[in-house]
Amino acid sequence: MTGRSLYQRLRSNAQVRTTLFCVGVLLIIAGVIIAPLPGPGFVILSPLGLMLALQNSAWAKRRYVRFKRRHPRYGEWTDRVMRRVSAARRRARDRIGDILDDD
């Protein structure tokens, strides 16, 4: 019998979702603040914060989709950094389309 993971059960609570969204925003801000320092801090903290914010806020998802439509190159880059499933699916679909176009 497979049940939902602890993380999924916690996310069903509105207060936990709000807290996770706030933690995500704080991670994004912390990533921007430490960006000038040497090391990969920005590359690690910002995608983690963005993932938490996107998972827990419909508002953030809408803003992100709007950003990706206006700036497709940057949207693709952020999808790759975050390893989003939608980006991998889109790349696979484009490869299949390229193969079919070549035939």
PDB file of N, CA and C in Angstrom:
ATOM      1  N   MET A   1       0.844  -1.165   0.000  1.00  0.00           N
ATOM      2  CA  MET A   1       0.000   0.000   0.000  1.00  0.00           C
ATOM      3  C   MET A   1       0.897   1.238   0.000  1.00  0.00           C
ATOM      4  N   THR A   2       0.748   2.050  -0.999  1.00  0.00           N
ATOM      5  CA  THR A   2       1.570   3.245  -1.096  1.00  0.00           C
ATOM      6  C   THR A   2       0.760   4.434  -0.625  1.00  0.00           C
ATOM      7  N   GLY A   3       1.354   5.187   0.266  1.00  0.00           N
ATOM      8  CA  GLY A   3       0.709   6.388   0.776  1.00  0.00           C
ATOM      9  C   GLY A   3       1.466   7.612   0.323  1.00  0.00           C
ATOM     10  N   ARG A   4       0.921   8.735   0.645  1.00  0.00           N
ATOM     11  CA  ARG A   4       1.589   9.979   0.290  1.00  0.00           C
ATOM     12  C   ARG A   4       2.782  10.198   1.210  1.00  0.00           C
ATOM     13  N   SER A   5       3.794  10.844   0.679  1.00  0.00           N
ATOM     14  CA  SER A   5       4.983  11.109   1.487  1.00  0.00           C
ATOM     15  C   SER A   5       4.666  12.170   2.537  1.00  0.00           C
ATOM     16  N   LEU A   6       5.551  12.272   3.513  1.00  0.00           N
ATOM     17  CA  LEU A   6       5.369  13.249   4.579  1.00  0.00           C
ATOM     18  C   LEU A   6       5.309  14.666   4.000  1.00  0.00           C
ATOM     19  N   TYR A   7       6.169  14.945   3.028  1.00  0.00           N
ATOM     20  CA  TYR A   7       6.182  16.271   2.404  1.00  0.00           C
ATOM     21  C   TYR A   7       4.842  16.580   1.739  1.00  0.00           C
ATOM     22  N   GLN A   8       4.274  15.618   1.038  1.00  0.00           N
ATOM     23  CA  GLN A   8       2.978  15.834   0.378  1.00  0.00           C
ATOM     24  C   GLN A   8       1.866  16.035   1.401  1.00  0.00           C
ATOM     25  N   ARG A   9       1.919  15.280   2.504  1.00  0.00           N
ATOM     26  CA  ARG A   9       0.892  15.462   3.543  1.00  0.00           C
ATOM     27  C   ARG A   9       1.018  16.822   4.198  1.00  0.00           C
ATOM     28  N   LEU A  10       2.236  17.270   4.441  1.00  0.00           N
ATOM     29  CA  LEU A  10       2.426  18.589   5.053  1.00  0.00           C
ATOM     30  C   LEU A  10       1.961  19.707   4.120  1.00  0.00           C
ATOM     31  N   ARG A  11       2.216  19.535   2.815  1.00  0.00           N
ATOM     32  CA  ARG A  11       1.838  20.581   1.866  1.00  0.00           C
ATOM     33  C   ARG A  11       0.328  20.737   1.725  1.00  0.00           C
ATOM     34  N   SER A  12      -0.440  19.795   2.215  1.00  0.00           N
ATOM     35  CA  SER A  12      -1.898  19.934   2.130  1.00  0.00           C
ATOM     36  C   SER A  12      -2.419  20.964   3.131  1.00  0.00           C
ATOM     37  N   ASN A  13      -1.591  21.354   4.087  1.00  0.00           N
ATOM     38  CA  ASN A  13      -1.956  22.374   5.068  1.00  0.00           C
ATOM     39  C   ASN A  13      -1.605  23.753   4.518  1.00  0.00           C
ATOM     40  N   ALA A  14      -2.557  24.683   4.567  1.00  0.00           N
ATOM     41  CA  ALA A  14      -2.350  26.025   3.997  1.00  0.00           C
ATOM     42  C   ALA A  14      -1.239  26.781   4.715  1.00  0.00           C
ATOM     43  N   GLN A  15      -1.130  26.627   6.011  1.00  0.00           N
ATOM     44  CA  GLN A  15      -0.093  27.340   6.756  1.00  0.00           C
ATOM     45  C   GLN A  15       1.297  26.840   6.377  1.00  0.00           C
ATOM     46  N   VAL A  16       1.420  25.557   6.172  1.00  0.00           N
ATOM     47  CA  VAL A  16       2.710  24.994   5.772  1.00  0.00           C
ATOM     48  C   VAL A  16       3.076  25.475   4.373  1.00  0.00           C
ATOM     49  N   ARG A  17       2.100  25.524   3.480  1.00  0.00           N
ATOM     50  CA  ARG A  17       2.365  26.009   2.113  1.00  0.00           C
ATOM     51  C   ARG A  17       2.823  27.470   2.142  1.00  0.00           C
ATOM     52  N   THR A  18       2.177  28.270   2.961  1.00  0.00           N
ATOM     53  CA  THR A  18       2.576  29.683   3.080  1.00  0.00           C
ATOM     54  C   THR A  18       3.984  29.786   3.645  1.00  0.00           C
ATOM     55  N   THR A  19       4.290  28.979   4.644  1.00  0.00           N
ATOM     56  CA  THR A  19       5.626  28.990   5.226  1.00  0.00           C
ATOM     57  C   THR A  19       6.671  28.557   4.202  1.00  0.00           C
ATOM     58  N   LEU A  20       6.388  27.504   3.440  1.00  0.00           N
ATOM     59  CA  LEU A  20       7.325  27.051   2.415  1.00  0.00           C
ATOM     60  C   LEU A  20       7.527  28.113   1.331  1.00  0.00           C
ATOM     61  N   PHE A  21       6.440  28.810   0.971  1.00  0.00           N
ATOM     62  CA  PHE A  21       6.570  29.886  -0.009  1.00  0.00           C
ATOM     63  C   PHE A  21       7.475  30.988   0.532  1.00  0.00           C
ATOM     64  N   CYS A  22       7.280  31.361   1.804  1.00  0.00           N
ATOM     65  CA  CYS A  22       8.116  32.407   2.408  1.00  0.00           C
ATOM     66  C   CYS A  22       9.575  31.976   2.495  1.00  0.00           C
ATOM     67  N   VAL A  23       9.810  30.714   2.834  1.00  0.00           N
ATOM     68  CA  VAL A  23      11.179  30.197   2.868  1.00  0.00           C
ATOM     69  C   VAL A  23      11.791  30.259   1.464  1.00  0.00           C
ATOM     70  N   GLY A  24      11.003  29.928   0.453  1.00  0.00           N
ATOM     71  CA  GLY A  24      11.490  30.012  -0.920  1.00  0.00           C
ATOM     72  C   GLY A  24      11.879  31.431  -1.311  1.00  0.00           C
ATOM     73  N   VAL A  25      11.047  32.395  -0.952  1.00  0.00           N
ATOM     74  CA  VAL A  25      11.349  33.800  -1.254  1.00  0.00           C
ATOM     75  C   VAL A  25      12.609  34.233  -0.510  1.00  0.00           C
ATOM     76  N   LEU A  26      12.741  33.820   0.748  1.00  0.00           N
ATOM     77  CA  LEU A  26      13.943  34.165   1.513  1.00  0.00           C
ATOM     78  C   LEU A  26      15.200  33.549   0.902  1.00  0.00           C
ATOM     79  N   LEU A  27      15.090  32.329   0.386  1.00  0.00           N
ATOM     80  CA  LEU A  27      16.239  31.705  -0.275  1.00  0.00           C
ATOM     81  C   LEU A  27      16.619  32.457  -1.548  1.00  0.00           C
ATOM     82  N   ILE A  28      15.631  32.916  -2.288  1.00  0.00           N
ATOM     83  CA  ILE A  28      15.920  33.695  -3.499  1.00  0.00           C
ATOM     84  C   ILE A  28      16.637  34.985  -3.124  1.00  0.00           C
ATOM     85  N   ILE A  29      16.131  35.675  -2.105  1.00  0.00           N
ATOM     86  CA  ILE A  29      16.756  36.929  -1.659  1.00  0.00           C
ATOM     87  C   ILE A  29      18.167  36.673  -1.145  1.00  0.00           C
ATOM     88  N   ALA A  30      18.348  35.599  -0.371  1.00  0.00           N
ATOM     89  CA  ALA A  30      19.682  35.270   0.138  1.00  0.00           C
ATOM     90  C   ALA A  30      20.633  34.948  -1.013  1.00  0.00           C
ATOM     91  N   GLY A  31      20.133  34.274  -2.030  1.00  0.00           N
ATOM     92  CA  GLY A  31      20.966  33.963  -3.194  1.00  0.00           C
ATOM     93  C   GLY A  31      21.429  35.215  -3.912  1.00  0.00           C
ATOM     94  N   VAL A  32      20.532  36.187  -4.036  1.00  0.00           N
ATOM     95  CA  VAL A  32      20.896  37.449  -4.695  1.00  0.00           C
ATOM     96  C   VAL A  32      21.903  38.224  -3.840  1.00  0.00           C
ATOM     97  N   ILE A  33      21.731  38.195  -2.533  1.00  0.00           N
ATOM     98  CA  ILE A  33      22.643  38.922  -1.650  1.00  0.00           C
ATOM     99  C   ILE A  33      24.046  38.322  -1.690  1.00  0.00           C
ATOM    100  N   ILE A  34      24.148  36.994  -1.714  1.00  0.00           N
ATOM    101  CA  ILE A  34      25.481  36.386  -1.697  1.00  0.00           C
ATOM    102  C   ILE A  34      26.053  36.158  -3.099  1.00  0.00           C
ATOM    103  N   ALA A  35      25.368  36.600  -4.127  1.00  0.00           N
ATOM    104  CA  ALA A  35      25.856  36.411  -5.498  1.00  0.00           C
ATOM    105  C   ALA A  35      27.248  36.998  -5.733  1.00  0.00           C
ATOM    106  N   PRO A  36      27.574  38.175  -5.186  1.00  0.00           N
ATOM    107  CA  PRO A  36      28.918  38.708  -5.451  1.00  0.00           C
ATOM    108  C   PRO A  36      30.046  37.929  -4.783  1.00  0.00           C
ATOM    109  N   LEU A  37      29.733  37.117  -3.788  1.00  0.00           N
ATOM    110  CA  LEU A  37      30.769  36.352  -3.094  1.00  0.00           C
ATOM    111  C   LEU A  37      31.251  35.205  -3.976  1.00  0.00           C
ATOM    112  N   PRO A  38      32.510  34.803  -3.807  1.00  0.00           N
ATOM    113  CA  PRO A  38      33.005  33.666  -4.590  1.00  0.00           C
ATOM    114  C   PRO A  38      32.322  32.375  -4.156  1.00  0.00           C
ATOM    115  N   GLY A  39      32.144  31.506  -5.099  1.00  0.00           N
ATOM    116  CA  GLY A  39      31.507  30.229  -4.807  1.00  0.00           C
ATOM    117  C   GLY A  39      30.161  30.105  -5.498  1.00  0.00           C
ATOM    118  N   PRO A  40      29.577  28.920  -5.429  1.00  0.00           N
ATOM    119  CA  PRO A  40      28.332  28.658  -6.158  1.00  0.00           C
ATOM    120  C   PRO A  40      27.060  28.936  -5.354  1.00  0.00           C
ATOM    121  N   GLY A  41      27.109  29.796  -4.364  1.00  0.00           N
ATOM    122  CA  GLY A  41      25.954  30.032  -3.504  1.00  0.00           C
ATOM    123  C   GLY A  41      24.708  30.463  -4.251  1.00  0.00           C
ATOM    124  N   PHE A  42      24.847  31.392  -5.181  1.00  0.00           N
ATOM    125  CA  PHE A  42      23.698  31.890  -5.941  1.00  0.00           C
ATOM    126  C   PHE A  42      23.079  30.775  -6.779  1.00  0.00           C
ATOM    127  N   VAL A  43      23.923  29.960  -7.382  1.00  0.00           N
ATOM    128  CA  VAL A  43      23.450  28.901  -8.263  1.00  0.00           C
ATOM    129  C   VAL A  43      22.713  27.818  -7.481  1.00  0.00           C
ATOM    130  N   ILE A  44      23.027  27.677  -6.219  1.00  0.00           N
ATOM    131  CA  ILE A  44      22.368  26.667  -5.391  1.00  0.00           C
ATOM    132  C   ILE A  44      21.116  27.225  -4.718  1.00  0.00           C
ATOM    133  N   LEU A  45      21.232  28.385  -4.076  1.00  0.00           N
ATOM    134  CA  LEU A  45      20.118  28.921  -3.290  1.00  0.00           C
ATOM    135  C   LEU A  45      18.956  29.418  -4.142  1.00  0.00           C
ATOM    136  N   SER A  46      19.244  30.114  -5.211  1.00  0.00           N
ATOM    137  CA  SER A  46      18.164  30.698  -6.003  1.00  0.00           C
ATOM    138  C   SER A  46      17.253  29.649  -6.645  1.00  0.00           C
ATOM    139  N   PRO A  47      17.790  28.608  -7.293  1.00  0.00           N
ATOM    140  CA  PRO A  47      16.877  27.583  -7.835  1.00  0.00           C
ATOM    141  C   PRO A  47      16.079  26.857  -6.751  1.00  0.00           C
ATOM    142  N   LEU A  48      16.704  26.607  -5.596  1.00  0.00           N
ATOM    143  CA  LEU A  48      15.966  25.965  -4.507  1.00  0.00           C
ATOM    144  C   LEU A  48      14.803  26.842  -4.049  1.00  0.00           C
ATOM    145  N   GLY A  49      15.081  28.130  -3.894  1.00  0.00           N
ATOM    146  CA  GLY A  49      14.021  29.056  -3.495  1.00  0.00           C
ATOM    147  C   GLY A  49      12.946  29.171  -4.544  1.00  0.00           C
ATOM    148  N   LEU A  50      13.341  29.211  -5.794  1.00  0.00           N
ATOM    149  CA  LEU A  50      12.368  29.305  -6.880  1.00  0.00           C
ATOM    150  C   LEU A  50      11.498  28.056  -6.937  1.00  0.00           C
ATOM    151  N   MET A  51      12.089  26.892  -6.721  1.00  0.00           N
ATOM    152  CA  MET A  51      11.300  25.659  -6.719  1.00  0.00           C
ATOM    153  C   MET A  51      10.273  25.660  -5.586  1.00  0.00           C
ATOM    154  N   LEU A  52      10.702  26.061  -4.390  1.00  0.00           N
ATOM    155  CA  LEU A  52       9.759  26.111  -3.273  1.00  0.00           C
ATOM    156  C   LEU A  52       8.638  27.110  -3.539  1.00  0.00           C
ATOM    157  N   ALA A  53       8.994  28.265  -4.085  1.00  0.00           N
ATOM    158  CA  ALA A  53       7.976  29.278  -4.355  1.00  0.00           C
ATOM    159  C   ALA A  53       6.997  28.805  -5.430  1.00  0.00           C
ATOM    160  N   LEU A  54       7.504  28.167  -6.476  1.00  0.00           N
ATOM    161  CA  LEU A  54       6.625  27.711  -7.557  1.00  0.00           C
ATOM    162  C   LEU A  54       5.741  26.540  -7.133  1.00  0.00           C
ATOM    163  N   GLN A  55       6.240  25.678  -6.269  1.00  0.00           N
ATOM    164  CA  GLN A  55       5.444  24.541  -5.818  1.00  0.00           C
ATOM    165  C   GLN A  55       4.307  24.961  -4.900  1.00  0.00           C
ATOM    166  N   ASN A  56       4.464  26.074  -4.219  1.00  0.00           N
ATOM    167  CA  ASN A  56       3.528  26.408  -3.155  1.00  0.00           C
ATOM    168  C   ASN A  56       2.719  27.669  -3.405  1.00  0.00           C
ATOM    169  N   SER A  57       2.771  28.237  -4.595  1.00  0.00           N
ATOM    170  CA  SER A  57       2.023  29.460  -4.851  1.00  0.00           C
ATOM    171  C   SER A  57       1.537  29.501  -6.299  1.00  0.00           C
ATOM    172  N   ALA A  58       0.230  29.592  -6.450  1.00  0.00           N
ATOM    173  CA  ALA A  58      -0.338  29.725  -7.798  1.00  0.00           C
ATOM    174  C   ALA A  58       0.052  31.069  -8.403  1.00  0.00           C
ATOM    175  N   TRP A  59       0.124  32.098  -7.574  1.00  0.00           N
ATOM    176  CA  TRP A  59       0.526  33.428  -8.045  1.00  0.00           C
ATOM    177  C   TRP A  59       1.931  33.374  -8.638  1.00  0.00           C
ATOM    178  N   ALA A  60       2.856  32.711  -7.930  1.00  0.00           N
ATOM    179  CA  ALA A  60       4.232  32.614  -8.420  1.00  0.00           C
ATOM    180  C   ALA A  60       4.291  31.833  -9.730  1.00  0.00           C
ATOM    181  N   LYS A  61       3.484  30.783  -9.862  1.00  0.00           N
ATOM    182  CA  LYS A  61       3.453  30.017 -11.108  1.00  0.00           C
ATOM    183  C   LYS A  61       2.989  30.880 -12.271  1.00  0.00           C
ATOM    184  N   ARG A  62       1.939  31.673 -12.040  1.00  0.00           N
ATOM    185  CA  ARG A  62       1.448  32.544 -13.124  1.00  0.00           C
ATOM    186  C   ARG A  62       2.508  33.554 -13.534  1.00  0.00           C
ATOM    187  N   ARG A  63       3.187  34.146 -12.554  1.00  0.00           N
ATOM    188  CA  ARG A  63       4.242  35.116 -12.861  1.00  0.00           C
ATOM    189  C   ARG A  63       5.392  34.453 -13.624  1.00  0.00           C
ATOM    190  N   TYR A  64       5.738  33.247 -13.222  1.00  0.00           N
ATOM    191  CA  TYR A  64       6.832  32.528 -13.868  1.00  0.00           C
ATOM    192  C   TYR A  64       6.486  32.190 -15.315  1.00  0.00           C
ATOM    193  N   VAL A  65       5.263  31.736 -15.555  1.00  0.00           N
ATOM    194  CA  VAL A  65       4.831  31.417 -16.918  1.00  0.00           C
ATOM    195  C   VAL A  65       4.835  32.679 -17.775  1.00  0.00           C
ATOM    196  N   ARG A  66       4.375  33.778 -17.229  1.00  0.00           N
ATOM    197  CA  ARG A  66       4.378  35.050 -17.961  1.00  0.00           C
ATOM    198  C   ARG A  66       5.811  35.467 -18.291  1.00  0.00           C
ATOM    199  N   PHE A  67       6.733  35.299 -17.322  1.00  0.00           N
ATOM    200  CA  PHE A  67       8.138  35.622 -17.553  1.00  0.00           C
ATOM    201  C   PHE A  67       8.711  34.754 -18.669  1.00  0.00           C
ATOM    202  N   LYS A  68       8.398  33.447 -18.654  1.00  0.00           N
ATOM    203  CA  LYS A  68       8.923  32.549 -19.681  1.00  0.00           C
ATOM    204  C   LYS A  68       8.394  32.889 -21.067  1.00  0.00           C
ATOM    205  N   ARG A  69       7.158  33.356 -21.147  1.00  0.00           N
ATOM    206  CA  ARG A  69       6.613  33.736 -22.460  1.00  0.00           C
ATOM    207  C   ARG A  69       7.284  34.988 -23.001  1.00  0.00           C
ATOM    208  N   ARG A  70       7.584  35.921 -22.117  1.00  0.00           N
ATOM    209  CA  ARG A  70       8.228  37.166 -22.558  1.00  0.00           C
ATOM    210  C   ARG A  70       9.708  36.990 -22.846  1.00  0.00           C
ATOM    211  N   HIS A  71      10.371  36.117 -22.092  1.00  0.00           N
ATOM    212  CA  HIS A  71      11.810  35.904 -22.220  1.00  0.00           C
ATOM    213  C   HIS A  71      12.090  34.406 -22.348  1.00  0.00           C
ATOM    214  N   PRO A  72      11.821  33.814 -23.515  1.00  0.00           N
ATOM    215  CA  PRO A  72      11.947  32.355 -23.634  1.00  0.00           C
ATOM    216  C   PRO A  72      13.355  31.841 -23.386  1.00  0.00           C
ATOM    217  N   ARG A  73      14.364  32.606 -23.750  1.00  0.00           N
ATOM    218  CA  ARG A  73      15.736  32.141 -23.551  1.00  0.00           C
ATOM    219  C   ARG A  73      16.057  32.004 -22.059  1.00  0.00           C
ATOM    220  N   TYR A  74      15.671  32.992 -21.273  1.00  0.00           N
ATOM    221  CA  TYR A  74      15.929  32.934 -19.833  1.00  0.00           C
ATOM    222  C   TYR A  74      15.038  31.904 -19.159  1.00  0.00           C
ATOM    223  N   GLY A  75      13.823  31.756 -19.639  1.00  0.00           N
ATOM    224  CA  GLY A  75      12.928  30.744 -19.083  1.00  0.00           C
ATOM    225  C   GLY A  75      13.471  29.348 -19.288  1.00  0.00           C
ATOM    226  N   GLU A  76      14.042  29.096 -20.465  1.00  0.00           N
ATOM    227  CA  GLU A  76      14.636  27.784 -20.736  1.00  0.00           C
ATOM    228  C   GLU A  76      15.824  27.535 -19.818  1.00  0.00           C
ATOM    229  N   TRP A  77      16.629  28.571 -19.588  1.00  0.00           N
ATOM    230  CA  TRP A  77      17.790  28.440 -18.717  1.00  0.00           C
ATOM    231  C   TRP A  77      17.359  28.117 -17.289  1.00  0.00           C
ATOM    232  N   THR A  78      16.362  28.827 -16.787  1.00  0.00           N
ATOM    233  CA  THR A  78      15.919  28.559 -15.418  1.00  0.00           C
ATOM    234  C   THR A  78      15.293  27.180 -15.297  1.00  0.00           C
ATOM    235  N   ASP A  79      14.587  26.730 -16.320  1.00  0.00           N
ATOM    236  CA  ASP A  79      14.023  25.380 -16.286  1.00  0.00           C
ATOM    237  C   ASP A  79      15.132  24.330 -16.208  1.00  0.00           C
ATOM    238  N   ARG A  80      16.200  24.553 -16.951  1.00  0.00           N
ATOM    239  CA  ARG A  80      17.305  23.590 -16.921  1.00  0.00           C
ATOM    240  C   ARG A  80      17.995  23.598 -15.568  1.00  0.00           C
ATOM    241  N   VAL A  81      18.198  24.775 -15.002  1.00  0.00           N
ATOM    242  CA  VAL A  81      18.854  24.862 -13.696  1.00  0.00           C
ATOM    243  C   VAL A  81      18.003  24.182 -12.643  1.00  0.00           C
ATOM    244  N   MET A  82      16.686  24.360 -12.727  1.00  0.00           N
ATOM    245  CA  MET A  82      15.788  23.763 -11.740  1.00  0.00           C
ATOM    246  C   MET A  82      15.445  22.321 -12.085  1.00  0.00           C
ATOM    247  N   ARG A  83      15.852  21.845 -13.268  1.00  0.00           N
ATOM    248  CA  ARG A  83      15.569  20.482 -13.728  1.00  0.00           C
ATOM    249  C   ARG A  83      14.076  20.203 -13.722  1.00  0.00           C
ATOM    250  N   ARG A  84      13.344  21.138 -14.282  1.00  0.00           N
ATOM    251  CA  ARG A  84      11.889  20.991 -14.316  1.00  0.00           C
ATOM    252  C   ARG A  84      11.498  19.920 -15.334  1.00  0.00           C
ATOM    253  N   VAL A  85      10.500  19.141 -14.992  1.00  0.00           N
ATOM    254  CA  VAL A  85      10.028  18.066 -15.861  1.00  0.00           C
ATOM    255  C   VAL A  85       9.483  18.651 -17.162  1.00  0.00           C
ATOM    256  N   SER A  86       8.824  19.802 -17.075  1.00  0.00           N
ATOM    257  CA  SER A  86       8.253  20.400 -18.276  1.00  0.00           C
ATOM    258  C   SER A  86       9.341  20.779 -19.278  1.00  0.00           C
ATOM    259  N   ALA A  87      10.505  21.201 -18.782  1.00  0.00           N
ATOM    260  CA  ALA A  87      11.596  21.557 -19.690  1.00  0.00           C
ATOM    261  C   ALA A  87      12.136  20.322 -20.384  1.00  0.00           C
ATOM    262  N   ALA A  88      12.303  19.239 -19.651  1.00  0.00           N
ATOM    263  CA  ALA A  88      12.791  17.998 -20.258  1.00  0.00           C
ATOM    264  C   ALA A  88      11.792  17.478 -21.277  1.00  0.00           C
ATOM    265  N   ARG A  89      10.504  17.554 -20.950  1.00  0.00           N
ATOM    266  CA  ARG A  89       9.471  17.104 -21.881  1.00  0.00           C
ATOM    267  C   ARG A  89       9.479  17.973 -23.136  1.00  0.00           C
ATOM    268  N   ARG A  90       9.655  19.273 -22.990  1.00  0.00           N
ATOM    269  CA  ARG A  90       9.678  20.183 -24.128  1.00  0.00           C
ATOM    270  C   ARG A  90      10.881  19.910 -25.022  1.00  0.00           C
ATOM    271  N   ARG A  91      12.052  19.674 -24.414  1.00  0.00           N
ATOM    272  CA  ARG A  91      13.250  19.371 -25.210  1.00  0.00           C
ATOM    273  C   ARG A  91      13.077  18.062 -25.974  1.00  0.00           C
ATOM    274  N   ALA A  92      12.502  17.058 -25.329  1.00  0.00           N
ATOM    275  CA  ALA A  92      12.266  15.770 -26.006  1.00  0.00           C
ATOM    276  C   ALA A  92      11.292  15.942 -27.166  1.00  0.00           C
ATOM    277  N   ARG A  93      10.235  16.721 -26.965  1.00  0.00           N
ATOM    278  CA  ARG A  93       9.260  16.964 -28.022  1.00  0.00           C
ATOM    279  C   ARG A  93       9.908  17.710 -29.190  1.00  0.00           C
ATOM    280  N   ASP A  94      10.789  18.671 -28.895  1.00  0.00           N
ATOM    281  CA  ASP A  94      11.481  19.397 -29.957  1.00  0.00           C
ATOM    282  C   ASP A  94      12.413  18.478 -30.740  1.00  0.00           C
ATOM    283  N   ARG A  95      13.109  17.565 -30.025  1.00  0.00           N
ATOM    284  CA  ARG A  95      13.997  16.621 -30.713  1.00  0.00           C
ATOM    285  C   ARG A  95      13.207  15.712 -31.637  1.00  0.00           C
ATOM    286  N   ILE A  96      12.061  15.223 -31.163  1.00  0.00           N
ATOM    287  CA  ILE A  96      11.213  14.352 -32.002  1.00  0.00           C
ATOM    288  C   ILE A  96      10.718  15.122 -33.217  1.00  0.00           C
ATOM    289  N   GLY A  97      10.336  16.385 -33.006  1.00  0.00           N
ATOM    290  CA  GLY A  97       9.883  17.217 -34.121  1.00  0.00           C
ATOM    291  C   GLY A  97      10.999  17.439 -35.138  1.00  0.00           C
ATOM    292  N   ASP A  98      12.234  17.641 -34.655  1.00  0.00           N
ATOM    293  CA  ASP A  98      13.371  17.814 -35.557  1.00  0.00           C
ATOM    294  C   ASP A  98      13.639  16.539 -36.358  1.00  0.00           C
ATOM    295  N   ILE A  99      13.525  15.397 -35.705  1.00  0.00           N
ATOM    296  CA  ILE A  99      13.744  14.124 -36.402  1.00  0.00           C
ATOM    297  C   ILE A  99      12.686  13.900 -37.465  1.00  0.00           C
ATOM    298  N   LEU A 100      11.437  14.177 -37.124  1.00  0.00           N
ATOM    299  CA  LEU A 100      10.354  14.006 -38.094  1.00  0.00           C
ATOM    300  C   LEU A 100      10.450  14.981 -39.254  1.00  0.00           C
ATOM    301  N   ASP A 101      10.945  16.194 -38.976  1.00  0.00           N
ATOM    302  CA  ASP A 101      11.101  17.189 -40.044  1.00  0.00           C
ATOM    303  C   ASP A 101      12.209  16.804 -41.010  1.00  0.00           C
ATOM    304  N   ASP A 102      13.227  16.114 -40.507  1.00  0.00           N
ATOM    305  CA  ASP A 102      14.345  15.698 -41.357  1.00  0.00           C
ATOM    306  C   ASP A 102      13.950  14.618 -42.337  1.00  0.00           C
ATOM    307  N   ASP A 103      12.954  13.807 -41.992  1.00  0.00           N
ATOM    308  CA  ASP A 103      12.547  12.698 -42.866  1.00  0.00           C
ATOM    309  C   ASP A 103      11.796  13.157 -44.055  1.00  0.00           C
TER     310      ASP A 103
END
